[in-house]
Amino acid sequence: MDRFFLRVQHRMNPLHLYCRLRERGMNPKASLAIARLYERYLFRPLIFPICRG
């Protein structure tokens, strides 16, 4: 179970998202803006409660 959780956590990581957007040719500033919004509104609310509990 821990291995599965770590794999999902890695895939959902905002830095991972940023890198995938850059690989697909997106502008660095736009990629960073999307990754920051994603981290603030999706990643933190989902991951941190799971890690604590």
PDB file of N, CA and C in Angstrom:
ATOM      1  N   MET A   1       0.824  -1.199   0.000  1.00  0.00           N
ATOM      2  CA  MET A   1       0.000   0.000   0.000  1.00  0.00           C
ATOM      3  C   MET A   1       0.862   1.255   0.000  1.00  0.00           C
ATOM      4  N   ASP A   2       1.956   1.261   0.775  1.00  0.00           N
ATOM      5  CA  ASP A   2       2.820   2.424   0.827  1.00  0.00           C
ATOM      6  C   ASP A   2       3.432   2.721  -0.534  1.00  0.00           C
ATOM      7  N   ARG A   3       3.817   1.673  -1.231  1.00  0.00           N
ATOM      8  CA  ARG A   3       4.411   1.840  -2.549  1.00  0.00           C
ATOM      9  C   ARG A   3       3.424   2.467  -3.524  1.00  0.00           C
ATOM     10  N   PHE A   4       2.195   2.009  -3.480  1.00  0.00           N
ATOM     11  CA  PHE A   4       1.145   2.557  -4.329  1.00  0.00           C
ATOM     12  C   PHE A   4       0.934   4.031  -4.024  1.00  0.00           C
ATOM     13  N   PHE A   5       0.838   4.358  -2.736  1.00  0.00           N
ATOM     14  CA  PHE A   5       0.627   5.749  -2.328  1.00  0.00           C
ATOM     15  C   PHE A   5       1.778   6.634  -2.792  1.00  0.00           C
ATOM     16  N   LEU A   6       3.004   6.172  -2.661  1.00  0.00           N
ATOM     17  CA  LEU A   6       4.158   6.963  -3.087  1.00  0.00           C
ATOM     18  C   LEU A   6       4.154   7.184  -4.596  1.00  0.00           C
ATOM     19  N   ARG A   7       3.759   6.181  -5.335  1.00  0.00           N
ATOM     20  CA  ARG A   7       3.695   6.324  -6.792  1.00  0.00           C
ATOM     21  C   ARG A   7       2.632   7.356  -7.187  1.00  0.00           C
ATOM     22  N   VAL A   8       1.474   7.275  -6.561  1.00  0.00           N
ATOM     23  CA  VAL A   8       0.400   8.241  -6.847  1.00  0.00           C
ATOM     24  C   VAL A   8       0.837   9.640  -6.426  1.00  0.00           C
ATOM     25  N   GLN A   9       1.462   9.750  -5.263  1.00  0.00           N
ATOM     26  CA  GLN A   9       1.926  11.042  -4.779  1.00  0.00           C
ATOM     27  C   GLN A   9       2.939  11.659  -5.754  1.00  0.00           C
ATOM     28  N   HIS A  10       3.833  10.855  -6.279  1.00  0.00           N
ATOM     29  CA  HIS A  10       4.809  11.350  -7.248  1.00  0.00           C
ATOM     30  C   HIS A  10       4.119  11.852  -8.509  1.00  0.00           C
ATOM     31  N   ARG A  11       3.196  11.077  -9.024  1.00  0.00           N
ATOM     32  CA  ARG A  11       2.503  11.461 -10.256  1.00  0.00           C
ATOM     33  C   ARG A  11       1.679  12.726 -10.078  1.00  0.00           C
ATOM     34  N   MET A  12       1.169  12.944  -8.877  1.00  0.00           N
ATOM     35  CA  MET A  12       0.345  14.115  -8.606  1.00  0.00           C
ATOM     36  C   MET A  12       1.169  15.334  -8.195  1.00  0.00           C
ATOM     37  N   ASN A  13       2.470  15.173  -8.034  1.00  0.00           N
ATOM     38  CA  ASN A  13       3.341  16.252  -7.596  1.00  0.00           C
ATOM     39  C   ASN A  13       3.315  17.411  -8.598  1.00  0.00           C
ATOM     40  N   PRO A  14       3.189  18.653  -8.096  1.00  0.00           N
ATOM     41  CA  PRO A  14       3.169  19.809  -8.995  1.00  0.00           C
ATOM     42  C   PRO A  14       4.424  19.939  -9.863  1.00  0.00           C
ATOM     43  N   LEU A  15       5.581  19.566  -9.342  1.00  0.00           N
ATOM     44  CA  LEU A  15       6.798  19.629 -10.139  1.00  0.00           C
ATOM     45  C   LEU A  15       6.725  18.634 -11.297  1.00  0.00           C
ATOM     46  N   HIS A  16       6.152  17.486 -11.053  1.00  0.00           N
ATOM     47  CA  HIS A  16       5.958  16.485 -12.106  1.00  0.00           C
ATOM     48  C   HIS A  16       5.050  17.066 -13.201  1.00  0.00           C
ATOM     49  N   LEU A  17       3.980  17.718 -12.789  1.00  0.00           N
ATOM     50  CA  LEU A  17       3.068  18.354 -13.740  1.00  0.00           C
ATOM     51  C   LEU A  17       3.804  19.411 -14.557  1.00  0.00           C
ATOM     52  N   TYR A  18       4.576  20.258 -13.885  1.00  0.00           N
ATOM     53  CA  TYR A  18       5.341  21.297 -14.570  1.00  0.00           C
ATOM     54  C   TYR A  18       6.262  20.685 -15.631  1.00  0.00           C
ATOM     55  N   CYS A  19       6.984  19.660 -15.261  1.00  0.00           N
ATOM     56  CA  CYS A  19       7.914  19.017 -16.198  1.00  0.00           C
ATOM     57  C   CYS A  19       7.182  18.409 -17.395  1.00  0.00           C
ATOM     58  N   ARG A  20       6.035  17.781 -17.161  1.00  0.00           N
ATOM     59  CA  ARG A  20       5.292  17.200 -18.275  1.00  0.00           C
ATOM     60  C   ARG A  20       4.761  18.286 -19.205  1.00  0.00           C
ATOM     61  N   LEU A  21       4.314  19.414 -18.655  1.00  0.00           N
ATOM     62  CA  LEU A  21       3.844  20.519 -19.495  1.00  0.00           C
ATOM     63  C   LEU A  21       4.990  21.084 -20.331  1.00  0.00           C
ATOM     64  N   ARG A  22       6.166  21.208 -19.719  1.00  0.00           N
ATOM     65  CA  ARG A  22       7.341  21.718 -20.442  1.00  0.00           C
ATOM     66  C   ARG A  22       7.758  20.746 -21.535  1.00  0.00           C
ATOM     67  N   GLU A  23       7.689  19.449 -21.261  1.00  0.00           N
ATOM     68  CA  GLU A  23       8.027  18.446 -22.277  1.00  0.00           C
ATOM     69  C   GLU A  23       7.136  18.563 -23.507  1.00  0.00           C
ATOM     70  N   ARG A  24       5.903  18.974 -23.287  1.00  0.00           N
ATOM     71  CA  ARG A  24       4.952  19.097 -24.390  1.00  0.00           C
ATOM     72  C   ARG A  24       5.046  20.453 -25.086  1.00  0.00           C
ATOM     73  N   GLY A  25       6.035  21.268 -24.677  1.00  0.00           N
ATOM     74  CA  GLY A  25       6.302  22.509 -25.385  1.00  0.00           C
ATOM     75  C   GLY A  25       5.609  23.745 -24.852  1.00  0.00           C
ATOM     76  N   MET A  26       5.015  23.659 -23.677  1.00  0.00           N
ATOM     77  CA  MET A  26       4.334  24.817 -23.121  1.00  0.00           C
ATOM     78  C   MET A  26       5.344  25.844 -22.606  1.00  0.00           C
ATOM     79  N   ASN A  27       4.979  27.092 -22.693  1.00  0.00           N
ATOM     80  CA  ASN A  27       5.778  28.205 -22.205  1.00  0.00           C
ATOM     81  C   ASN A  27       6.131  27.999 -20.726  1.00  0.00           C
ATOM     82  N   PRO A  28       7.375  28.302 -20.310  1.00  0.00           N
ATOM     83  CA  PRO A  28       7.768  28.101 -18.905  1.00  0.00           C
ATOM     84  C   PRO A  28       6.913  28.881 -17.905  1.00  0.00           C
ATOM     85  N   LYS A  29       6.593  30.118 -18.229  1.00  0.00           N
ATOM     86  CA  LYS A  29       5.778  30.920 -17.298  1.00  0.00           C
ATOM     87  C   LYS A  29       4.366  30.365 -17.170  1.00  0.00           C
ATOM     88  N   ALA A  30       3.785  29.950 -18.275  1.00  0.00           N
ATOM     89  CA  ALA A  30       2.438  29.379 -18.244  1.00  0.00           C
ATOM     90  C   ALA A  30       2.441  28.053 -17.481  1.00  0.00           C
ATOM     91  N   SER A  31       3.455  27.235 -17.728  1.00  0.00           N
ATOM     92  CA  SER A  31       3.568  25.952 -17.021  1.00  0.00           C
ATOM     93  C   SER A  31       3.685  26.166 -15.522  1.00  0.00           C
ATOM     94  N   LEU A  32       4.491  27.136 -15.132  1.00  0.00           N
ATOM     95  CA  LEU A  32       4.677  27.432 -13.713  1.00  0.00           C
ATOM     96  C   LEU A  32       3.382  27.933 -13.088  1.00  0.00           C
ATOM     97  N   ALA A  33       2.674  28.798 -13.783  1.00  0.00           N
ATOM     98  CA  ALA A  33       1.408  29.314 -13.271  1.00  0.00           C
ATOM     99  C   ALA A  33       0.392  28.188 -13.064  1.00  0.00           C
ATOM    100  N   ILE A  34       0.302  27.286 -14.029  1.00  0.00           N
ATOM    101  CA  ILE A  34      -0.626  26.149 -13.918  1.00  0.00           C
ATOM    102  C   ILE A  34      -0.216  25.241 -12.767  1.00  0.00           C
ATOM    103  N   ALA A  35       1.077  24.962 -12.641  1.00  0.00           N
ATOM    104  CA  ALA A  35       1.554  24.089 -11.561  1.00  0.00           C
ATOM    105  C   ALA A  35       1.287  24.708 -10.192  1.00  0.00           C
ATOM    106  N   ARG A  36       1.464  26.011 -10.074  1.00  0.00           N
ATOM    107  CA  ARG A  36       1.194  26.683  -8.791  1.00  0.00           C
ATOM    108  C   ARG A  36      -0.288  26.632  -8.429  1.00  0.00           C
ATOM    109  N   LEU A  37      -1.150  26.897  -9.403  1.00  0.00           N
ATOM    110  CA  LEU A  37      -2.588  26.817  -9.147  1.00  0.00           C
ATOM    111  C   LEU A  37      -2.997  25.396  -8.771  1.00  0.00           C
ATOM    112  N   TYR A  38      -2.461  24.446  -9.501  1.00  0.00           N
ATOM    113  CA  TYR A  38      -2.733  23.037  -9.219  1.00  0.00           C
ATOM    114  C   TYR A  38      -2.308  22.677  -7.799  1.00  0.00           C
ATOM    115  N   GLU A  39      -1.102  23.115  -7.404  1.00  0.00           N
ATOM    116  CA  GLU A  39      -0.612  22.805  -6.054  1.00  0.00           C
ATOM    117  C   GLU A  39      -1.506  23.415  -4.991  1.00  0.00           C
ATOM    118  N   ARG A  40      -1.863  24.662  -5.169  1.00  0.00           N
ATOM    119  CA  ARG A  40      -2.637  25.379  -4.157  1.00  0.00           C
ATOM    120  C   ARG A  40      -4.048  24.825  -3.997  1.00  0.00           C
ATOM    121  N   TYR A  41      -4.713  24.541  -5.102  1.00  0.00           N
ATOM    122  CA  TYR A  41      -6.130  24.199  -5.036  1.00  0.00           C
ATOM    123  C   TYR A  41      -6.462  22.712  -5.134  1.00  0.00           C
ATOM    124  N   LEU A  42      -5.543  21.894  -5.609  1.00  0.00           N
ATOM    125  CA  LEU A  42      -5.824  20.463  -5.733  1.00  0.00           C
ATOM    126  C   LEU A  42      -4.858  19.591  -4.944  1.00  0.00           C
ATOM    127  N   PHE A  43      -3.574  19.800  -5.135  1.00  0.00           N
ATOM    128  CA  PHE A  43      -2.578  18.910  -4.536  1.00  0.00           C
ATOM    129  C   PHE A  43      -2.574  18.992  -3.008  1.00  0.00           C
ATOM    130  N   ARG A  44      -2.397  20.174  -2.471  1.00  0.00           N
ATOM    131  CA  ARG A  44      -2.341  20.310  -1.005  1.00  0.00           C
ATOM    132  C   ARG A  44      -3.623  19.857  -0.314  1.00  0.00           C
ATOM    133  N   PRO A  45      -4.791  20.290  -0.760  1.00  0.00           N
ATOM    134  CA  PRO A  45      -6.011  19.820  -0.086  1.00  0.00           C
ATOM    135  C   PRO A  45      -6.209  18.303  -0.144  1.00  0.00           C
ATOM    136  N   LEU A  46      -5.694  17.647  -1.177  1.00  0.00           N
ATOM    137  CA  LEU A  46      -5.863  16.199  -1.289  1.00  0.00           C
ATOM    138  C   LEU A  46      -4.779  15.418  -0.571  1.00  0.00           C
ATOM    139  N   ILE A  47      -3.532  15.809  -0.714  1.00  0.00           N
ATOM    140  CA  ILE A  47      -2.413  15.013  -0.207  1.00  0.00           C
ATOM    141  C   ILE A  47      -2.183  15.197   1.295  1.00  0.00           C
ATOM    142  N   PHE A  48      -2.174  16.433   1.762  1.00  0.00           N
ATOM    143  CA  PHE A  48      -1.821  16.646   3.162  1.00  0.00           C
ATOM    144  C   PHE A  48      -2.795  16.011   4.166  1.00  0.00           C
ATOM    145  N   PRO A  49      -4.107  16.057   3.939  1.00  0.00           N
ATOM    146  CA  PRO A  49      -4.983  15.339   4.876  1.00  0.00           C
ATOM    147  C   PRO A  49      -4.732  13.823   4.877  1.00  0.00           C
ATOM    148  N   ILE A  50      -4.361  13.277   3.739  1.00  0.00           N
ATOM    149  CA  ILE A  50      -4.079  11.843   3.648  1.00  0.00           C
ATOM    150  C   ILE A  50      -2.814  11.522   4.434  1.00  0.00           C
ATOM    151  N   CYS A  51      -1.802  12.371   4.316  1.00  0.00           N
ATOM    152  CA  CYS A  51      -0.524  12.139   5.004  1.00  0.00           C
ATOM    153  C   CYS A  51      -0.679  12.243   6.522  1.00  0.00           C
ATOM    154  N   ARG A  52      -1.520  13.121   6.982  1.00  0.00           N
ATOM    155  CA  ARG A  52      -1.696  13.330   8.429  1.00  0.00           C
ATOM    156  C   ARG A  52      -2.520  12.231   9.082  1.00  0.00           C
ATOM    157  N   GLY A  53      -3.464  11.704   8.340  1.00  0.00           N
ATOM    158  CA  GLY A  53      -4.409  10.809   8.963  1.00  0.00           C
ATOM    159  C   GLY A  53      -4.149   9.407   8.690  1.00  0.00           C
TER     160      GLY A  53
END
